[in-house]
Amino acid sequence: MPLALFDLDGTLADRQTALSDALTCLCRSHALSPEAEQWLRAALTDRATAGDFARLRESFGLEVSSADLWQEYVDLMAAAVTCRPEVLEGLARLRAAAWTIGVITNGAGDIQRAKLAGTGLADLVHGVAASGDLEIRKPDLRLFKLVARRCGVSLADGGWMVGDNPTGDIGGGHQAGLHTIWLRGRPWPDELPAPHHVVDDITDAITILLNETE
């Protein structure tokens, strides 16, 4: 069974739109000041941790506990995040074609798994590794080994990595001995080896993988 690893945020799921919607709801529910909202949006641009909400509470004197703020944020993100139907259908086709599908993602384990459940992706993947599981981040090879193990396969057998982050996803995939497909968007660093394929939409990446098994 060939292995296909996917990044989550910005690849399978639309984090940025969900983040904006979730933070709007959170700030309204606690009547946060414009300064507090601006601070929070800046802090969570690339990733979110429970520690961000502890700092928010301390910096702006909020009465609600940081644990409650974090859990509310996790729930709001799970409700707001989306995965397009054609992406879910493409992953289902990969599974039907006997692909092993894994998700490897930088982020806290609880929120990343909540996103997977909220989008319906959880039912389509064989294994998940989030950076919060080991407190390491892509492109660390250990995270790639972890997701392969959780999928019941070995990186030694090869496979594919699909993602939008040049260093974390494509650079990490190369280090793990995988073929790579880059979802174009971010600037490409000159020092990185080129990906095997470049696409403008995740569905195009799925099509490439499906053609590999025809």
N, C-alpha and C. Protein backbone atom coordinates (compact mmCIF):
# COMPACT_ATOMS: atom_id res chain seq x y z
N MET A 1 0.84 -1.20 0.00
CA MET A 1 0.00 0.00 0.00
C MET A 1 0.88 1.25 0.00
N PRO A 2 0.86 2.05 -1.07
CA PRO A 2 1.69 3.26 -1.12
C PRO A 2 1.25 4.26 -0.05
N LEU A 3 2.20 5.07 0.42
CA LEU A 3 1.96 6.03 1.48
C LEU A 3 1.87 7.44 0.91
N ALA A 4 0.84 8.17 1.34
CA ALA A 4 0.70 9.58 1.00
C ALA A 4 0.50 10.37 2.29
N LEU A 5 1.45 11.26 2.58
CA LEU A 5 1.36 12.12 3.75
C LEU A 5 0.92 13.51 3.32
N PHE A 6 0.02 14.09 4.09
CA PHE A 6 -0.49 15.42 3.78
C PHE A 6 -0.31 16.35 4.98
N ASP A 7 0.07 17.58 4.68
CA ASP A 7 -0.03 18.66 5.65
C ASP A 7 -1.52 18.99 5.85
N LEU A 8 -1.84 19.61 6.99
CA LEU A 8 -3.24 19.94 7.26
C LEU A 8 -3.56 21.39 6.92
N ASP A 9 -3.01 22.32 7.69
CA ASP A 9 -3.37 23.74 7.54
C ASP A 9 -2.81 24.33 6.25
N GLY A 10 -3.70 24.87 5.43
CA GLY A 10 -3.27 25.46 4.18
C GLY A 10 -3.12 24.46 3.06
N THR A 11 -3.29 23.18 3.37
CA THR A 11 -3.19 22.13 2.36
C THR A 11 -4.53 21.40 2.24
N LEU A 12 -4.90 20.66 3.26
CA LEU A 12 -6.19 19.98 3.25
C LEU A 12 -7.31 20.87 3.77
N ALA A 13 -6.99 21.75 4.70
CA ALA A 13 -8.01 22.57 5.36
C ALA A 13 -7.65 24.05 5.27
N ASP A 14 -8.67 24.89 5.28
CA ASP A 14 -8.51 26.35 5.20
C ASP A 14 -8.42 26.91 6.62
N ARG A 15 -7.17 27.04 7.13
CA ARG A 15 -7.00 27.53 8.49
C ARG A 15 -7.27 29.03 8.60
N GLN A 16 -6.83 29.81 7.63
CA GLN A 16 -6.88 31.26 7.79
C GLN A 16 -8.30 31.79 7.91
N THR A 17 -9.21 31.31 7.08
CA THR A 17 -10.61 31.75 7.18
C THR A 17 -11.22 31.30 8.50
N ALA A 18 -10.94 30.05 8.89
CA ALA A 18 -11.46 29.54 10.15
C ALA A 18 -10.90 30.33 11.33
N LEU A 19 -9.61 30.68 11.27
CA LEU A 19 -8.99 31.44 12.35
C LEU A 19 -9.67 32.79 12.52
N SER A 20 -9.89 33.49 11.43
CA SER A 20 -10.53 34.79 11.50
C SER A 20 -11.92 34.69 12.11
N ASP A 21 -12.70 33.70 11.65
CA ASP A 21 -14.07 33.53 12.16
C ASP A 21 -14.07 33.15 13.64
N ALA A 22 -13.17 32.22 14.02
CA ALA A 22 -13.13 31.76 15.41
C ALA A 22 -12.72 32.88 16.35
N LEU A 23 -11.74 33.67 15.95
CA LEU A 23 -11.29 34.75 16.82
C LEU A 23 -12.32 35.86 16.93
N THR A 24 -13.05 36.11 15.85
CA THR A 24 -14.14 37.09 15.93
C THR A 24 -15.16 36.67 16.98
N CYS A 25 -15.54 35.40 16.97
CA CYS A 25 -16.51 34.88 17.94
C CYS A 25 -15.94 34.93 19.36
N LEU A 26 -14.69 34.53 19.51
CA LEU A 26 -14.06 34.51 20.83
C LEU A 26 -13.97 35.91 21.42
N CYS A 27 -13.53 36.86 20.63
CA CYS A 27 -13.37 38.23 21.11
C CYS A 27 -14.71 38.86 21.48
N ARG A 28 -15.73 38.55 20.70
CA ARG A 28 -17.07 39.08 21.01
C ARG A 28 -17.61 38.46 22.30
N SER A 29 -17.41 37.17 22.47
CA SER A 29 -18.00 36.49 23.64
C SER A 29 -17.39 36.98 24.94
N HIS A 30 -16.14 37.49 24.88
CA HIS A 30 -15.48 37.98 26.10
C HIS A 30 -15.29 39.49 26.08
N ALA A 31 -15.92 40.14 25.09
CA ALA A 31 -15.85 41.60 24.98
C ALA A 31 -14.42 42.10 25.09
N LEU A 32 -13.52 41.46 24.36
CA LEU A 32 -12.12 41.85 24.40
C LEU A 32 -11.93 43.23 23.77
N SER A 33 -10.99 43.98 24.31
CA SER A 33 -10.68 45.30 23.77
C SER A 33 -10.07 45.16 22.39
N PRO A 34 -10.13 46.23 21.58
CA PRO A 34 -9.47 46.18 20.27
C PRO A 34 -7.99 45.83 20.37
N GLU A 35 -7.33 46.31 21.43
CA GLU A 35 -5.91 46.02 21.61
C GLU A 35 -5.69 44.53 21.86
N ALA A 36 -6.54 43.94 22.70
CA ALA A 36 -6.41 42.52 23.00
C ALA A 36 -6.69 41.67 21.75
N GLU A 37 -7.69 42.07 20.98
CA GLU A 37 -8.00 41.34 19.76
C GLU A 37 -6.85 41.43 18.77
N GLN A 38 -6.28 42.61 18.61
CA GLN A 38 -5.15 42.79 17.70
C GLN A 38 -3.97 41.94 18.14
N TRP A 39 -3.70 41.92 19.44
CA TRP A 39 -2.59 41.11 19.97
C TRP A 39 -2.82 39.63 19.67
N LEU A 40 -4.05 39.18 19.90
CA LEU A 40 -4.35 37.76 19.73
C LEU A 40 -4.25 37.34 18.27
N ARG A 41 -4.77 38.16 17.37
CA ARG A 41 -4.71 37.82 15.95
C ARG A 41 -3.26 37.76 15.47
N ALA A 42 -2.43 38.66 15.96
CA ALA A 42 -1.02 38.64 15.57
C ALA A 42 -0.31 37.41 16.14
N ALA A 43 -0.62 37.07 17.39
CA ALA A 43 0.05 35.94 18.05
C ALA A 43 -0.30 34.61 17.39
N LEU A 44 -1.51 34.49 16.85
CA LEU A 44 -1.99 33.22 16.32
C LEU A 44 -1.90 33.12 14.79
N THR A 45 -1.18 34.05 14.16
CA THR A 45 -1.11 34.06 12.70
C THR A 45 -0.65 32.74 12.13
N ASP A 46 0.43 32.19 12.67
CA ASP A 46 1.00 30.96 12.12
C ASP A 46 0.63 29.71 12.90
N ARG A 47 0.47 29.82 14.20
CA ARG A 47 0.13 28.67 15.02
C ARG A 47 -0.44 29.15 16.33
N ALA A 48 -1.12 28.26 17.04
CA ALA A 48 -1.74 28.60 18.32
C ALA A 48 -1.41 27.54 19.35
N THR A 49 -1.14 27.97 20.57
CA THR A 49 -0.91 27.05 21.68
C THR A 49 -1.67 27.54 22.90
N ALA A 50 -1.81 26.67 23.87
CA ALA A 50 -2.47 27.07 25.12
C ALA A 50 -1.72 28.22 25.78
N GLY A 51 -0.40 28.25 25.61
CA GLY A 51 0.39 29.31 26.20
C GLY A 51 0.03 30.69 25.68
N ASP A 52 -0.42 30.78 24.42
CA ASP A 52 -0.84 32.07 23.88
C ASP A 52 -1.99 32.65 24.69
N PHE A 53 -2.88 31.80 25.14
CA PHE A 53 -4.05 32.28 25.88
C PHE A 53 -3.70 32.59 27.33
N ALA A 54 -2.68 31.92 27.85
CA ALA A 54 -2.18 32.29 29.17
C ALA A 54 -1.57 33.69 29.13
N ARG A 55 -0.83 33.98 28.06
CA ARG A 55 -0.24 35.31 27.91
C ARG A 55 -1.30 36.36 27.67
N LEU A 56 -2.34 36.02 26.90
CA LEU A 56 -3.44 36.94 26.67
C LEU A 56 -4.11 37.32 28.00
N ARG A 57 -4.39 36.30 28.80
CA ARG A 57 -5.06 36.53 30.08
C ARG A 57 -4.23 37.42 30.99
N GLU A 58 -2.93 37.13 31.04
CA GLU A 58 -2.04 37.90 31.92
C GLU A 58 -1.86 39.33 31.42
N SER A 59 -1.69 39.49 30.11
CA SER A 59 -1.41 40.80 29.55
C SER A 59 -2.59 41.76 29.63
N PHE A 60 -3.81 41.21 29.56
CA PHE A 60 -4.97 42.07 29.50
C PHE A 60 -5.91 41.90 30.69
N GLY A 61 -5.45 41.18 31.72
CA GLY A 61 -6.20 41.08 32.97
C GLY A 61 -7.57 40.44 32.85
N LEU A 62 -7.66 39.37 32.07
CA LEU A 62 -8.95 38.71 31.89
C LEU A 62 -9.27 37.82 33.10
N GLU A 63 -10.54 37.73 33.43
CA GLU A 63 -10.95 36.91 34.57
C GLU A 63 -11.10 35.44 34.20
N VAL A 64 -11.51 35.16 32.98
CA VAL A 64 -11.70 33.78 32.56
C VAL A 64 -10.35 33.06 32.55
N SER A 65 -10.36 31.77 32.88
CA SER A 65 -9.10 31.02 32.94
C SER A 65 -8.53 30.80 31.54
N SER A 66 -7.21 30.69 31.47
CA SER A 66 -6.57 30.45 30.18
C SER A 66 -6.98 29.09 29.61
N ALA A 67 -7.21 28.11 30.50
CA ALA A 67 -7.64 26.79 30.04
C ALA A 67 -9.00 26.85 29.37
N ASP A 68 -9.91 27.65 29.94
CA ASP A 68 -11.24 27.80 29.35
C ASP A 68 -11.16 28.55 28.01
N LEU A 69 -10.29 29.56 27.94
CA LEU A 69 -10.11 30.30 26.69
C LEU A 69 -9.58 29.37 25.60
N TRP A 70 -8.60 28.55 25.94
CA TRP A 70 -8.03 27.63 24.97
C TRP A 70 -9.07 26.64 24.49
N GLN A 71 -9.83 26.06 25.41
CA GLN A 71 -10.83 25.07 25.01
C GLN A 71 -11.90 25.71 24.14
N GLU A 72 -12.28 26.93 24.47
CA GLU A 72 -13.28 27.62 23.64
C GLU A 72 -12.71 27.86 22.24
N TYR A 73 -11.45 28.23 22.17
CA TYR A 73 -10.81 28.44 20.86
C TYR A 73 -10.77 27.13 20.07
N VAL A 74 -10.38 26.04 20.72
CA VAL A 74 -10.34 24.73 20.04
C VAL A 74 -11.71 24.39 19.48
N ASP A 75 -12.76 24.57 20.28
CA ASP A 75 -14.12 24.24 19.84
C ASP A 75 -14.56 25.14 18.68
N LEU A 76 -14.22 26.41 18.76
CA LEU A 76 -14.60 27.34 17.70
C LEU A 76 -13.87 27.01 16.40
N MET A 77 -12.59 26.67 16.49
CA MET A 77 -11.84 26.30 15.29
C MET A 77 -12.37 25.02 14.66
N ALA A 78 -12.71 24.05 15.50
CA ALA A 78 -13.25 22.79 14.99
C ALA A 78 -14.56 23.02 14.25
N ALA A 79 -15.34 23.99 14.74
CA ALA A 79 -16.62 24.28 14.10
C ALA A 79 -16.45 25.11 12.83
N ALA A 80 -15.39 25.93 12.79
CA ALA A 80 -15.23 26.87 11.68
C ALA A 80 -14.41 26.32 10.52
N VAL A 81 -13.48 25.40 10.80
CA VAL A 81 -12.57 24.94 9.76
C VAL A 81 -13.31 24.11 8.71
N THR A 82 -12.88 24.23 7.47
CA THR A 82 -13.56 23.53 6.38
C THR A 82 -12.55 22.79 5.50
N CYS A 83 -13.05 21.76 4.88
CA CYS A 83 -12.31 21.03 3.85
C CYS A 83 -13.28 20.86 2.68
N ARG A 84 -12.88 21.27 1.50
CA ARG A 84 -13.77 21.24 0.35
C ARG A 84 -14.23 19.81 0.03
N PRO A 85 -15.49 19.65 -0.38
CA PRO A 85 -16.02 18.32 -0.68
C PRO A 85 -15.17 17.55 -1.70
N GLU A 86 -14.63 18.26 -2.70
CA GLU A 86 -13.84 17.57 -3.72
C GLU A 86 -12.53 17.04 -3.15
N VAL A 87 -12.03 17.66 -2.07
CA VAL A 87 -10.83 17.15 -1.42
C VAL A 87 -11.16 15.87 -0.65
N LEU A 88 -12.26 15.89 0.07
CA LEU A 88 -12.70 14.68 0.79
C LEU A 88 -12.95 13.54 -0.19
N GLU A 89 -13.57 13.87 -1.32
CA GLU A 89 -13.84 12.83 -2.33
C GLU A 89 -12.53 12.28 -2.90
N GLY A 90 -11.56 13.16 -3.11
CA GLY A 90 -10.27 12.72 -3.64
C GLY A 90 -9.55 11.79 -2.67
N LEU A 91 -9.58 12.11 -1.39
CA LEU A 91 -8.96 11.24 -0.40
C LEU A 91 -9.68 9.89 -0.32
N ALA A 92 -10.99 9.92 -0.45
CA ALA A 92 -11.74 8.66 -0.46
C ALA A 92 -11.36 7.80 -1.65
N ARG A 93 -11.08 8.44 -2.78
CA ARG A 93 -10.64 7.70 -3.98
C ARG A 93 -9.25 7.11 -3.75
N LEU A 94 -8.38 7.86 -3.06
CA LEU A 94 -7.06 7.33 -2.74
C LEU A 94 -7.17 6.09 -1.86
N ARG A 95 -8.02 6.16 -0.86
CA ARG A 95 -8.21 5.00 0.01
C ARG A 95 -8.73 3.81 -0.78
N ALA A 96 -9.68 4.08 -1.68
CA ALA A 96 -10.25 3.00 -2.49
C ALA A 96 -9.19 2.39 -3.41
N ALA A 97 -8.17 3.19 -3.75
CA ALA A 97 -7.08 2.70 -4.59
C ALA A 97 -5.95 2.10 -3.75
N ALA A 98 -6.23 1.84 -2.49
CA ALA A 98 -5.32 1.14 -1.56
C ALA A 98 -4.14 1.98 -1.11
N TRP A 99 -4.29 3.31 -1.13
CA TRP A 99 -3.27 4.17 -0.55
C TRP A 99 -3.41 4.22 0.97
N THR A 100 -2.27 4.32 1.65
CA THR A 100 -2.25 4.61 3.07
C THR A 100 -2.09 6.11 3.23
N ILE A 101 -2.99 6.74 3.97
CA ILE A 101 -3.03 8.20 4.07
C ILE A 101 -2.71 8.64 5.49
N GLY A 102 -1.75 9.56 5.60
CA GLY A 102 -1.40 10.11 6.90
C GLY A 102 -1.43 11.62 6.87
N VAL A 103 -1.64 12.22 8.03
CA VAL A 103 -1.58 13.68 8.18
C VAL A 103 -0.44 14.00 9.12
N ILE A 104 0.47 14.86 8.69
CA ILE A 104 1.59 15.31 9.50
C ILE A 104 1.51 16.83 9.58
N THR A 105 1.38 17.35 10.79
CA THR A 105 1.01 18.75 10.96
C THR A 105 1.73 19.40 12.13
N ASN A 106 2.13 20.63 11.94
CA ASN A 106 2.67 21.41 13.05
C ASN A 106 1.51 22.05 13.80
N GLY A 107 1.44 21.80 15.09
CA GLY A 107 0.36 22.35 15.91
C GLY A 107 0.09 21.47 17.11
N ALA A 108 -0.67 22.01 18.05
CA ALA A 108 -1.04 21.26 19.24
C ALA A 108 -1.93 20.08 18.86
N GLY A 109 -1.69 18.94 19.48
CA GLY A 109 -2.42 17.74 19.11
C GLY A 109 -3.92 17.86 19.26
N ASP A 110 -4.39 18.49 20.35
CA ASP A 110 -5.83 18.53 20.58
C ASP A 110 -6.55 19.36 19.53
N ILE A 111 -5.98 20.50 19.16
CA ILE A 111 -6.68 21.33 18.18
C ILE A 111 -6.57 20.74 16.78
N GLN A 112 -5.45 20.13 16.43
CA GLN A 112 -5.32 19.56 15.10
C GLN A 112 -6.27 18.37 14.93
N ARG A 113 -6.42 17.57 15.95
CA ARG A 113 -7.35 16.43 15.86
C ARG A 113 -8.80 16.90 15.88
N ALA A 114 -9.06 18.01 16.57
CA ALA A 114 -10.41 18.58 16.52
C ALA A 114 -10.74 19.07 15.12
N LYS A 115 -9.77 19.65 14.45
CA LYS A 115 -9.99 20.09 13.07
C LYS A 115 -10.25 18.89 12.16
N LEU A 116 -9.47 17.84 12.33
CA LEU A 116 -9.67 16.64 11.50
C LEU A 116 -11.05 16.06 11.69
N ALA A 117 -11.51 16.04 12.95
CA ALA A 117 -12.85 15.52 13.22
C ALA A 117 -13.92 16.44 12.65
N GLY A 118 -13.72 17.75 12.82
CA GLY A 118 -14.73 18.72 12.37
C GLY A 118 -14.91 18.77 10.88
N THR A 119 -13.85 18.47 10.13
CA THR A 119 -13.92 18.51 8.67
C THR A 119 -14.34 17.19 8.05
N GLY A 120 -14.31 16.12 8.82
CA GLY A 120 -14.58 14.79 8.27
C GLY A 120 -13.32 14.10 7.79
N LEU A 121 -12.17 14.77 7.90
CA LEU A 121 -10.91 14.17 7.45
C LEU A 121 -10.49 12.99 8.31
N ALA A 122 -10.88 13.02 9.58
CA ALA A 122 -10.45 11.96 10.50
C ALA A 122 -10.87 10.57 10.03
N ASP A 123 -12.00 10.50 9.33
CA ASP A 123 -12.50 9.21 8.86
C ASP A 123 -11.77 8.70 7.62
N LEU A 124 -10.90 9.54 7.05
CA LEU A 124 -10.26 9.17 5.78
C LEU A 124 -8.77 8.91 5.92
N VAL A 125 -8.20 9.14 7.11
CA VAL A 125 -6.76 8.96 7.27
C VAL A 125 -6.47 7.78 8.18
N HIS A 126 -5.31 7.18 7.96
CA HIS A 126 -4.90 6.02 8.75
C HIS A 126 -4.09 6.39 9.98
N GLY A 127 -3.42 7.54 9.95
CA GLY A 127 -2.60 7.94 11.07
C GLY A 127 -2.34 9.43 11.06
N VAL A 128 -2.10 9.99 12.26
CA VAL A 128 -1.88 11.43 12.42
C VAL A 128 -0.69 11.64 13.34
N ALA A 129 0.16 12.61 12.99
CA ALA A 129 1.22 13.05 13.90
C ALA A 129 1.20 14.57 13.92
N ALA A 130 1.03 15.14 15.11
CA ALA A 130 1.07 16.60 15.29
C ALA A 130 2.33 16.95 16.05
N SER A 131 2.88 18.12 15.76
CA SER A 131 4.13 18.51 16.40
C SER A 131 4.01 18.53 17.92
N GLY A 132 2.82 18.85 18.42
CA GLY A 132 2.63 18.86 19.86
C GLY A 132 2.74 17.49 20.50
N ASP A 133 2.66 16.42 19.71
CA ASP A 133 2.77 15.06 20.26
C ASP A 133 4.16 14.82 20.84
N LEU A 134 5.18 15.37 20.18
CA LEU A 134 6.57 15.14 20.60
C LEU A 134 7.31 16.43 20.90
N GLU A 135 6.60 17.58 20.79
CA GLU A 135 7.24 18.89 20.95
C GLU A 135 8.39 19.07 19.96
N ILE A 136 8.18 18.57 18.75
CA ILE A 136 9.09 18.80 17.64
C ILE A 136 8.24 19.21 16.45
N ARG A 137 8.87 19.85 15.48
CA ARG A 137 8.11 20.37 14.35
C ARG A 137 8.72 19.92 13.03
N LYS A 138 7.90 19.82 12.01
CA LYS A 138 8.44 19.61 10.68
C LYS A 138 9.46 20.72 10.39
N PRO A 139 10.57 20.40 9.78
CA PRO A 139 10.91 19.20 9.01
C PRO A 139 11.62 18.10 9.81
N ASP A 140 11.49 18.08 11.13
CA ASP A 140 12.18 17.07 11.95
C ASP A 140 11.80 15.66 11.49
N LEU A 141 12.80 14.86 11.16
CA LEU A 141 12.56 13.51 10.64
C LEU A 141 11.79 12.65 11.62
N ARG A 142 11.94 12.91 12.91
CA ARG A 142 11.24 12.10 13.91
C ARG A 142 9.73 12.19 13.77
N LEU A 143 9.22 13.33 13.36
CA LEU A 143 7.77 13.47 13.18
C LEU A 143 7.30 12.66 11.98
N PHE A 144 8.12 12.60 10.94
CA PHE A 144 7.78 11.79 9.77
C PHE A 144 7.80 10.30 10.12
N LYS A 145 8.78 9.90 10.92
CA LYS A 145 8.83 8.50 11.34
C LYS A 145 7.62 8.15 12.20
N LEU A 146 7.20 9.10 13.05
CA LEU A 146 6.04 8.85 13.92
C LEU A 146 4.77 8.65 13.12
N VAL A 147 4.52 9.50 12.14
CA VAL A 147 3.29 9.37 11.37
C VAL A 147 3.30 8.08 10.54
N ALA A 148 4.47 7.71 10.01
CA ALA A 148 4.54 6.45 9.27
C ALA A 148 4.21 5.27 10.18
N ARG A 149 4.79 5.29 11.38
CA ARG A 149 4.53 4.22 12.33
C ARG A 149 3.04 4.15 12.70
N ARG A 150 2.44 5.30 12.89
CA ARG A 150 1.01 5.33 13.23
C ARG A 150 0.13 4.89 12.06
N CYS A 151 0.68 5.00 10.86
CA CYS A 151 -0.05 4.49 9.68
C CYS A 151 0.22 3.00 9.45
N GLY A 152 1.13 2.43 10.24
CA GLY A 152 1.43 1.01 10.10
C GLY A 152 2.37 0.69 8.96
N VAL A 153 3.18 1.69 8.54
CA VAL A 153 4.12 1.48 7.44
C VAL A 153 5.50 2.01 7.85
N SER A 154 6.46 1.87 6.94
CA SER A 154 7.81 2.35 7.19
C SER A 154 8.21 3.35 6.12
N LEU A 155 8.93 4.41 6.53
CA LEU A 155 9.44 5.36 5.54
C LEU A 155 10.40 4.70 4.57
N ALA A 156 11.00 3.60 4.99
CA ALA A 156 11.94 2.90 4.12
C ALA A 156 11.27 2.40 2.84
N ASP A 157 9.95 2.24 2.89
CA ASP A 157 9.22 1.77 1.72
C ASP A 157 8.85 2.90 0.77
N GLY A 158 9.22 4.14 1.13
CA GLY A 158 8.96 5.28 0.25
C GLY A 158 7.54 5.81 0.38
N GLY A 159 7.21 6.73 -0.51
CA GLY A 159 5.90 7.35 -0.48
C GLY A 159 5.98 8.80 -0.92
N TRP A 160 4.95 9.57 -0.56
CA TRP A 160 4.81 10.94 -1.02
C TRP A 160 4.48 11.86 0.15
N MET A 161 4.94 13.12 0.04
CA MET A 161 4.58 14.18 0.97
C MET A 161 4.00 15.34 0.19
N VAL A 162 2.83 15.81 0.63
CA VAL A 162 2.12 16.89 -0.04
C VAL A 162 1.90 18.03 0.95
N GLY A 163 2.31 19.24 0.59
CA GLY A 163 2.10 20.35 1.50
C GLY A 163 2.43 21.69 0.88
N ASP A 164 2.12 22.76 1.63
CA ASP A 164 2.32 24.11 1.11
C ASP A 164 3.56 24.79 1.66
N ASN A 165 4.17 24.22 2.71
CA ASN A 165 5.32 24.85 3.33
C ASN A 165 6.61 24.31 2.70
N PRO A 166 7.40 25.16 2.04
CA PRO A 166 8.59 24.66 1.36
C PRO A 166 9.56 23.93 2.29
N THR A 167 9.87 24.52 3.43
CA THR A 167 10.86 23.93 4.33
C THR A 167 10.28 22.76 5.11
N GLY A 168 9.16 22.99 5.78
CA GLY A 168 8.59 21.97 6.64
C GLY A 168 8.08 20.76 5.88
N ASP A 169 7.33 21.00 4.83
CA ASP A 169 6.69 19.90 4.10
C ASP A 169 7.60 19.30 3.03
N ILE A 170 8.10 20.16 2.14
CA ILE A 170 8.87 19.65 1.01
C ILE A 170 10.29 19.31 1.44
N GLY A 171 10.93 20.21 2.17
CA GLY A 171 12.25 19.91 2.69
C GLY A 171 12.23 18.71 3.62
N GLY A 172 11.23 18.66 4.49
CA GLY A 172 11.10 17.52 5.39
C GLY A 172 10.82 16.23 4.65
N GLY A 173 9.98 16.32 3.61
CA GLY A 173 9.69 15.14 2.82
C GLY A 173 10.92 14.60 2.12
N HIS A 174 11.75 15.50 1.57
CA HIS A 174 13.00 15.07 0.94
C HIS A 174 13.89 14.34 1.95
N GLN A 175 14.03 14.92 3.15
CA GLN A 175 14.87 14.31 4.18
C GLN A 175 14.35 12.93 4.58
N ALA A 176 13.04 12.75 4.49
CA ALA A 176 12.43 11.47 4.85
C ALA A 176 12.47 10.46 3.71
N GLY A 177 13.05 10.86 2.58
CA GLY A 177 13.15 9.96 1.44
C GLY A 177 11.89 9.82 0.63
N LEU A 178 11.02 10.83 0.70
CA LEU A 178 9.73 10.77 0.02
C LEU A 178 9.74 11.62 -1.25
N HIS A 179 8.90 11.25 -2.21
CA HIS A 179 8.60 12.13 -3.32
C HIS A 179 7.72 13.27 -2.78
N THR A 180 7.80 14.43 -3.41
CA THR A 180 7.12 15.59 -2.86
C THR A 180 6.26 16.30 -3.90
N ILE A 181 5.15 16.86 -3.40
CA ILE A 181 4.29 17.70 -4.22
C ILE A 181 4.04 18.99 -3.44
N TRP A 182 4.46 20.10 -4.05
CA TRP A 182 4.32 21.40 -3.38
C TRP A 182 3.07 22.12 -3.87
N LEU A 183 2.25 22.54 -2.91
CA LEU A 183 1.09 23.37 -3.20
C LEU A 183 1.56 24.82 -3.22
N ARG A 184 1.65 25.39 -4.38
CA ARG A 184 2.26 26.70 -4.58
C ARG A 184 1.55 27.79 -3.77
N GLY A 185 2.32 28.75 -3.29
CA GLY A 185 1.72 29.87 -2.57
C GLY A 185 2.78 30.70 -1.86
N ARG A 186 3.55 30.06 -1.00
CA ARG A 186 4.62 30.76 -0.28
C ARG A 186 5.85 30.90 -1.18
N PRO A 187 6.71 31.87 -0.87
CA PRO A 187 7.96 32.00 -1.63
C PRO A 187 8.82 30.75 -1.47
N TRP A 188 9.49 30.38 -2.55
CA TRP A 188 10.33 29.18 -2.52
C TRP A 188 11.78 29.57 -2.19
N PRO A 189 12.37 29.01 -1.12
CA PRO A 189 13.76 29.33 -0.78
C PRO A 189 14.73 28.75 -1.81
N ASP A 190 15.69 29.56 -2.21
CA ASP A 190 16.63 29.14 -3.26
C ASP A 190 17.44 27.91 -2.86
N GLU A 191 17.69 27.76 -1.55
CA GLU A 191 18.60 26.69 -1.13
C GLU A 191 17.94 25.31 -1.09
N LEU A 192 16.62 25.26 -1.22
CA LEU A 192 15.93 23.97 -1.13
C LEU A 192 15.94 23.24 -2.47
N PRO A 193 16.09 21.91 -2.44
CA PRO A 193 15.93 21.14 -3.68
C PRO A 193 14.49 21.24 -4.17
N ALA A 194 14.33 21.20 -5.47
CA ALA A 194 13.00 21.38 -6.06
C ALA A 194 12.08 20.22 -5.71
N PRO A 195 10.78 20.47 -5.58
CA PRO A 195 9.83 19.39 -5.39
C PRO A 195 9.69 18.57 -6.67
N HIS A 196 9.15 17.39 -6.53
CA HIS A 196 8.96 16.55 -7.72
C HIS A 196 7.82 17.07 -8.59
N HIS A 197 6.82 17.67 -7.96
CA HIS A 197 5.70 18.28 -8.70
C HIS A 197 5.30 19.57 -7.99
N VAL A 198 4.76 20.50 -8.76
CA VAL A 198 4.21 21.75 -8.22
C VAL A 198 2.79 21.89 -8.73
N VAL A 199 1.84 22.17 -7.82
CA VAL A 199 0.44 22.29 -8.20
C VAL A 199 -0.14 23.57 -7.59
N ASP A 200 -1.25 24.00 -8.14
CA ASP A 200 -1.94 25.18 -7.63
C ASP A 200 -3.15 24.83 -6.78
N ASP A 201 -3.54 23.56 -6.78
CA ASP A 201 -4.71 23.13 -6.01
C ASP A 201 -4.45 21.72 -5.49
N ILE A 202 -4.90 21.46 -4.29
CA ILE A 202 -4.66 20.16 -3.66
C ILE A 202 -5.29 19.03 -4.46
N THR A 203 -6.38 19.30 -5.15
CA THR A 203 -7.00 18.25 -5.95
C THR A 203 -6.09 17.80 -7.09
N ASP A 204 -5.25 18.72 -7.59
CA ASP A 204 -4.29 18.35 -8.64
C ASP A 204 -3.24 17.39 -8.07
N ALA A 205 -2.86 17.60 -6.82
CA ALA A 205 -1.91 16.69 -6.18
C ALA A 205 -2.52 15.30 -6.02
N ILE A 206 -3.76 15.25 -5.64
CA ILE A 206 -4.43 13.96 -5.48
C ILE A 206 -4.52 13.24 -6.82
N THR A 207 -4.77 13.99 -7.88
CA THR A 207 -4.83 13.40 -9.23
C THR A 207 -3.48 12.78 -9.60
N ILE A 208 -2.39 13.47 -9.28
CA ILE A 208 -1.04 12.95 -9.55
C ILE A 208 -0.85 11.61 -8.82
N LEU A 209 -1.25 11.56 -7.57
CA LEU A 209 -1.11 10.33 -6.80
C LEU A 209 -1.96 9.21 -7.39
N LEU A 210 -3.18 9.52 -7.76
CA LEU A 210 -4.06 8.49 -8.34
C LEU A 210 -3.47 7.95 -9.64
N ASN A 211 -2.85 8.83 -10.43
CA ASN A 211 -2.23 8.38 -11.68
C ASN A 211 -1.04 7.46 -11.42
N GLU A 212 -0.44 7.57 -10.25
CA GLU A 212 0.69 6.71 -9.90
C GLU A 212 0.26 5.25 -9.76
N THR A 213 -1.03 5.04 -9.47
CA THR A 213 -1.50 3.67 -9.22
C THR A 213 -2.30 3.12 -10.38
N GLU A 214 -2.36 3.87 -11.46
CA GLU A 214 -3.11 3.36 -12.62
C GLU A 214 -2.24 2.46 -13.49
